């Protein structure tokens, strides 16, 4: 009977870790987009560079 609770607790910890990881990834993406927006607004990058970089950030590819 006790082993059933152990599995539920372990499953809960795993699910919690997944949600924490996903949240951090989303936060990093938001920060990257904010920086990209600022650079574009300042004229530091062209529209083409902006669109390419934004696409890379959302797709997660290099």
N, C-alpha and C. Protein backbone atom coordinates (compact mmCIF):
# COMPACT_ATOMS: atom_id res chain seq x y z
N UNK A 1 0.82 -1.19 0.00
CA UNK A 1 0.00 0.00 0.00
C UNK A 1 0.87 1.27 0.00
N UNK A 2 1.94 1.23 0.76
CA UNK A 2 2.82 2.39 0.83
C UNK A 2 3.52 2.66 -0.50
N UNK A 3 3.79 1.62 -1.25
CA UNK A 3 4.47 1.80 -2.53
C UNK A 3 3.62 2.57 -3.52
N UNK A 4 2.32 2.47 -3.42
CA UNK A 4 1.42 3.23 -4.30
C UNK A 4 1.62 4.73 -4.07
N UNK A 5 1.73 5.14 -2.83
CA UNK A 5 1.95 6.55 -2.52
C UNK A 5 3.32 7.01 -2.99
N UNK A 6 4.30 6.15 -2.87
CA UNK A 6 5.64 6.51 -3.34
C UNK A 6 5.63 6.84 -4.82
N UNK A 7 4.93 6.05 -5.61
CA UNK A 7 4.86 6.28 -7.06
C UNK A 7 4.11 7.57 -7.36
N UNK A 8 3.05 7.84 -6.63
CA UNK A 8 2.31 9.08 -6.84
C UNK A 8 3.14 10.30 -6.49
N UNK A 9 3.88 10.22 -5.42
CA UNK A 9 4.75 11.33 -5.02
C UNK A 9 5.84 11.54 -6.06
N UNK A 10 6.45 10.46 -6.51
CA UNK A 10 7.49 10.56 -7.54
C UNK A 10 6.93 11.15 -8.82
N UNK A 11 5.76 10.71 -9.22
CA UNK A 11 5.12 11.25 -10.43
C UNK A 11 4.84 12.74 -10.26
N UNK A 12 4.37 13.13 -9.07
CA UNK A 12 4.11 14.54 -8.80
C UNK A 12 5.36 15.39 -8.89
N UNK A 13 6.47 14.89 -8.38
CA UNK A 13 7.74 15.62 -8.44
C UNK A 13 8.20 15.77 -9.89
N UNK A 14 8.05 14.72 -10.67
CA UNK A 14 8.44 14.77 -12.08
C UNK A 14 7.60 15.80 -12.84
N UNK A 15 6.29 15.79 -12.62
CA UNK A 15 5.40 16.75 -13.28
C UNK A 15 5.76 18.18 -12.87
N UNK A 16 6.02 18.38 -11.60
CA UNK A 16 6.41 19.70 -11.11
C UNK A 16 7.69 20.19 -11.77
N UNK A 17 8.67 19.31 -11.90
CA UNK A 17 9.94 19.67 -12.56
C UNK A 17 9.72 20.06 -14.02
N UNK A 18 8.83 19.36 -14.69
CA UNK A 18 8.53 19.68 -16.09
C UNK A 18 7.91 21.07 -16.19
N UNK A 19 6.97 21.38 -15.31
CA UNK A 19 6.34 22.71 -15.34
C UNK A 19 7.34 23.81 -15.02
N UNK A 20 8.22 23.58 -14.09
CA UNK A 20 9.24 24.58 -13.75
C UNK A 20 10.17 24.81 -14.94
N UNK A 21 10.62 23.74 -15.58
CA UNK A 21 11.50 23.86 -16.74
C UNK A 21 10.82 24.61 -17.88
N UNK A 22 9.56 24.28 -18.15
CA UNK A 22 8.82 24.94 -19.23
C UNK A 22 8.65 26.43 -18.94
N UNK A 23 8.41 26.77 -17.69
CA UNK A 23 8.26 28.17 -17.31
C UNK A 23 9.53 28.97 -17.49
N UNK A 24 10.65 28.37 -17.14
CA UNK A 24 11.93 29.06 -17.32
C UNK A 24 12.25 29.28 -18.79
N UNK A 25 11.95 28.30 -19.59
CA UNK A 25 12.21 28.41 -21.03
C UNK A 25 11.36 29.54 -21.63
N UNK A 26 10.12 29.63 -21.21
CA UNK A 26 9.22 30.68 -21.71
C UNK A 26 9.73 32.05 -21.28
N UNK A 27 10.21 32.15 -20.05
CA UNK A 27 10.72 33.42 -19.54
C UNK A 27 11.95 33.86 -20.34
N UNK A 28 12.84 32.92 -20.63
CA UNK A 28 14.04 33.24 -21.41
C UNK A 28 13.66 33.73 -22.80
N UNK A 29 12.65 33.09 -23.40
CA UNK A 29 12.20 33.49 -24.73
C UNK A 29 11.66 34.92 -24.70
N UNK A 30 10.88 35.25 -23.67
CA UNK A 30 10.33 36.60 -23.55
C UNK A 30 11.45 37.63 -23.42
N UNK A 31 12.45 37.31 -22.63
CA UNK A 31 13.58 38.22 -22.45
C UNK A 31 14.34 38.42 -23.76
N UNK A 32 14.52 37.35 -24.51
CA UNK A 32 15.23 37.44 -25.79
C UNK A 32 14.45 38.31 -26.78
N UNK A 33 13.14 38.13 -26.82
CA UNK A 33 12.30 38.93 -27.73
C UNK A 33 12.34 40.40 -27.31
N UNK A 34 12.32 40.67 -26.02
CA UNK A 34 12.38 42.05 -25.53
C UNK A 34 13.67 42.73 -25.98
N UNK A 35 14.78 42.04 -25.82
CA UNK A 35 16.08 42.58 -26.24
C UNK A 35 16.10 42.80 -27.75
N UNK A 36 15.57 41.83 -28.48
CA UNK A 36 15.52 41.94 -29.94
C UNK A 36 14.67 43.15 -30.36
N UNK A 37 13.52 43.33 -29.72
CA UNK A 37 12.65 44.47 -30.02
C UNK A 37 13.37 45.79 -29.76
N UNK A 38 14.09 45.86 -28.65
CA UNK A 38 14.83 47.09 -28.31
C UNK A 38 15.91 47.38 -29.34
N UNK A 39 16.64 46.36 -29.76
CA UNK A 39 17.70 46.56 -30.76
C UNK A 39 17.12 47.03 -32.09
N UNK A 40 15.98 46.47 -32.46
CA UNK A 40 15.34 46.87 -33.71
C UNK A 40 14.84 48.31 -33.61
N UNK A 41 14.25 48.65 -32.48
CA UNK A 41 13.74 50.01 -32.27
C UNK A 41 14.86 51.05 -32.30
N UNK A 42 16.03 50.68 -31.82
CA UNK A 42 17.17 51.60 -31.81
C UNK A 42 17.85 51.68 -33.18
N UNK A 43 17.49 50.79 -34.09
CA UNK A 43 18.10 50.79 -35.41
C UNK A 43 19.41 50.03 -35.46
N UNK A 44 19.68 49.23 -34.45
CA UNK A 44 20.93 48.47 -34.41
C UNK A 44 20.92 47.29 -35.37
N UNK A 45 19.73 46.79 -35.72
CA UNK A 45 19.60 45.68 -36.66
C UNK A 45 18.56 46.03 -37.72
N UNK A 46 18.68 45.40 -38.86
CA UNK A 46 17.74 45.65 -39.95
C UNK A 46 16.46 44.84 -39.74
N UNK A 47 15.45 45.14 -40.55
CA UNK A 47 14.20 44.41 -40.46
C UNK A 47 14.40 42.93 -40.80
N UNK A 48 15.26 42.68 -41.78
CA UNK A 48 15.55 41.30 -42.18
C UNK A 48 16.21 40.53 -41.02
N UNK A 49 17.20 41.17 -40.37
CA UNK A 49 17.86 40.53 -39.23
C UNK A 49 16.86 40.30 -38.08
N UNK A 50 15.98 41.28 -37.87
CA UNK A 50 14.97 41.18 -36.82
C UNK A 50 14.05 39.97 -37.05
N UNK A 51 13.52 39.87 -38.26
CA UNK A 51 12.61 38.77 -38.58
C UNK A 51 13.31 37.42 -38.48
N UNK A 52 14.53 37.35 -38.97
CA UNK A 52 15.29 36.10 -38.93
C UNK A 52 15.57 35.68 -37.48
N UNK A 53 16.00 36.64 -36.67
CA UNK A 53 16.31 36.34 -35.27
C UNK A 53 15.05 35.94 -34.50
N UNK A 54 13.95 36.62 -34.75
CA UNK A 54 12.70 36.30 -34.07
C UNK A 54 12.24 34.89 -34.42
N UNK A 55 12.39 34.54 -35.68
CA UNK A 55 12.02 33.20 -36.11
C UNK A 55 12.89 32.15 -35.43
N UNK A 56 14.19 32.43 -35.31
CA UNK A 56 15.10 31.51 -34.63
C UNK A 56 14.74 31.34 -33.16
N UNK A 57 14.35 32.43 -32.52
CA UNK A 57 14.00 32.36 -31.10
C UNK A 57 12.76 31.49 -30.91
N UNK A 58 11.75 31.69 -31.74
CA UNK A 58 10.51 30.92 -31.58
C UNK A 58 10.66 29.46 -32.00
N UNK A 59 11.49 29.20 -33.00
CA UNK A 59 11.68 27.82 -33.45
C UNK A 59 12.71 27.07 -32.61
N UNK A 60 13.55 27.80 -31.92
CA UNK A 60 14.56 27.17 -31.07
C UNK A 60 15.68 26.51 -31.84
N UNK A 61 15.88 26.90 -33.08
CA UNK A 61 16.95 26.32 -33.90
C UNK A 61 18.04 27.34 -34.12
N UNK A 62 19.22 26.86 -34.43
CA UNK A 62 20.36 27.75 -34.67
C UNK A 62 20.64 27.84 -36.14
